[in-house]
Amino acid sequence: MGGIDGIMNTMTKVQKIVTNVQQMAPMVKLLMGSFGKSKTTGASDSRPYRNRRRNGKRRRSSGTRRPRR
């Protein structure tokens, strides 16, 4: 019960619990995500969707345009 043997038993139990929690984490995350979305669907739909411009390549001026191949 005490000493090194007790410490090793306790660490083994903790390790098993941590392993079980790690295995259940993706499922819990999935369930919490689905419950969270169902509560906030009305609030997120009230805002209109806006397109944002992408900062892409700049257009060249018409005088320095290369011919297409």
C-alpha atoms as a PDB file:
ATOM      1  CA  MET A   1       0.000   0.000   0.000  1.00  0.00           C
ATOM      2  CA  GLY A   2       2.743   2.456   0.790  1.00  0.00           C
ATOM      3  CA  GLY A   3       6.179   3.159  -0.558  1.00  0.00           C
ATOM      4  CA  ILE A   4       7.256   2.586  -4.117  1.00  0.00           C
ATOM      5  CA  ASP A   5       4.631  -0.110  -4.690  1.00  0.00           C
ATOM      6  CA  GLY A   6       1.792   2.294  -3.805  1.00  0.00           C
ATOM      7  CA  ILE A   7       3.216   5.028  -5.999  1.00  0.00           C
ATOM      8  CA  MET A   8       3.514   2.624  -8.939  1.00  0.00           C
ATOM      9  CA  ASN A   9      -0.079   1.411  -8.483  1.00  0.00           C
ATOM     10  CA  THR A  10      -1.354   4.986  -8.346  1.00  0.00           C
ATOM     11  CA  MET A  11       0.607   5.964 -11.457  1.00  0.00           C
ATOM     12  CA  THR A  12      -0.756   2.931 -13.332  1.00  0.00           C
ATOM     13  CA  LYS A  13      -4.319   3.894 -12.430  1.00  0.00           C
ATOM     14  CA  VAL A  14      -3.752   7.504 -13.515  1.00  0.00           C
ATOM     15  CA  GLN A  15      -2.226   6.325 -16.784  1.00  0.00           C
ATOM     16  CA  LYS A  16      -5.271   4.159 -17.537  1.00  0.00           C
ATOM     17  CA  ILE A  17      -7.653   7.042 -16.807  1.00  0.00           C
ATOM     18  CA  VAL A  18      -5.682   9.420 -19.039  1.00  0.00           C
ATOM     19  CA  THR A  19      -5.686   6.849 -21.860  1.00  0.00           C
ATOM     20  CA  ASN A  20      -9.455   6.410 -21.583  1.00  0.00           C
ATOM     21  CA  VAL A  21     -10.041  10.171 -21.603  1.00  0.00           C
ATOM     22  CA  GLN A  22      -7.821  10.571 -24.673  1.00  0.00           C
ATOM     23  CA  GLN A  23      -9.784   7.876 -26.499  1.00  0.00           C
ATOM     24  CA  MET A  24     -13.125   9.477 -25.643  1.00  0.00           C
ATOM     25  CA  ALA A  25     -12.029  13.054 -26.413  1.00  0.00           C
ATOM     26  CA  PRO A  26     -12.843  13.051 -30.188  1.00  0.00           C
ATOM     27  CA  MET A  27     -16.334  11.699 -29.562  1.00  0.00           C
ATOM     28  CA  VAL A  28     -17.008  14.221 -26.793  1.00  0.00           C
ATOM     29  CA  LYS A  29     -15.677  17.021 -28.993  1.00  0.00           C
ATOM     30  CA  LEU A  30     -17.999  15.952 -31.808  1.00  0.00           C
ATOM     31  CA  LEU A  31     -21.022  15.842 -29.513  1.00  0.00           C
ATOM     32  CA  MET A  32     -20.252  19.202 -27.899  1.00  0.00           C
ATOM     33  CA  GLY A  33     -19.799  20.770 -31.329  1.00  0.00           C
ATOM     34  CA  SER A  34     -23.161  19.518 -32.525  1.00  0.00           C
ATOM     35  CA  PHE A  35     -24.949  20.742 -29.373  1.00  0.00           C
ATOM     36  CA  GLY A  36     -23.200  24.117 -29.539  1.00  0.00           C
ATOM     37  CA  LYS A  37     -24.177  24.686 -33.176  1.00  0.00           C
ATOM     38  CA  SER A  38     -27.830  23.844 -32.605  1.00  0.00           C
ATOM     39  CA  LYS A  39     -28.138  26.526 -29.907  1.00  0.00           C
ATOM     40  CA  THR A  40     -26.507  29.328 -31.930  1.00  0.00           C
ATOM     41  CA  THR A  41     -27.990  28.714 -35.392  1.00  0.00           C
ATOM     42  CA  GLY A  42     -30.473  31.578 -35.084  1.00  0.00           C
ATOM     43  CA  ALA A  43     -27.854  34.137 -34.085  1.00  0.00           C
ATOM     44  CA  SER A  44     -25.379  33.246 -36.826  1.00  0.00           C
ATOM     45  CA  ASP A  45     -28.035  33.383 -39.584  1.00  0.00           C
ATOM     46  CA  SER A  46     -29.081  36.929 -38.681  1.00  0.00           C
ATOM     47  CA  ARG A  47     -25.847  38.427 -40.044  1.00  0.00           C
ATOM     48  CA  PRO A  48     -25.634  38.804 -43.832  1.00  0.00           C
ATOM     49  CA  TYR A  49     -22.747  37.094 -45.583  1.00  0.00           C
ATOM     50  CA  ARG A  50     -20.114  39.402 -47.056  1.00  0.00           C
ATOM     51  CA  ASN A  51     -17.512  38.418 -49.626  1.00  0.00           C
ATOM     52  CA  ARG A  52     -14.027  39.621 -48.837  1.00  0.00           C
ATOM     53  CA  ARG A  53     -11.561  40.552 -51.517  1.00  0.00           C
ATOM     54  CA  ARG A  54      -8.435  38.505 -51.784  1.00  0.00           C
ATOM     55  CA  ASN A  55      -5.114  40.241 -52.015  1.00  0.00           C
ATOM     56  CA  GLY A  56      -3.929  38.480 -55.143  1.00  0.00           C
ATOM     57  CA  LYS A  57      -1.545  39.439 -57.894  1.00  0.00           C
ATOM     58  CA  ARG A  58      -1.691  43.022 -59.052  1.00  0.00           C
ATOM     59  CA  ARG A  59      -2.696  43.690 -62.607  1.00  0.00           C
ATOM     60  CA  ARG A  60      -0.077  45.122 -64.884  1.00  0.00           C
ATOM     61  CA  SER A  61      -0.634  48.316 -66.714  1.00  0.00           C
ATOM     62  CA  SER A  62      -1.910  47.877 -70.274  1.00  0.00           C
ATOM     63  CA  GLY A  63       1.361  49.091 -71.837  1.00  0.00           C
ATOM     64  CA  THR A  64       3.535  46.301 -70.349  1.00  0.00           C
ATOM     65  CA  ARG A  65       1.245  43.362 -71.021  1.00  0.00           C
ATOM     66  CA  ARG A  66       2.820  40.211 -72.369  1.00  0.00           C
ATOM     67  CA  PRO A  67       1.227  38.460 -75.349  1.00  0.00           C
ATOM     68  CA  ARG A  68      -0.430  35.101 -74.651  1.00  0.00           C
ATOM     69  CA  ARG A  69       1.067  31.941 -76.104  1.00  0.00           C
END
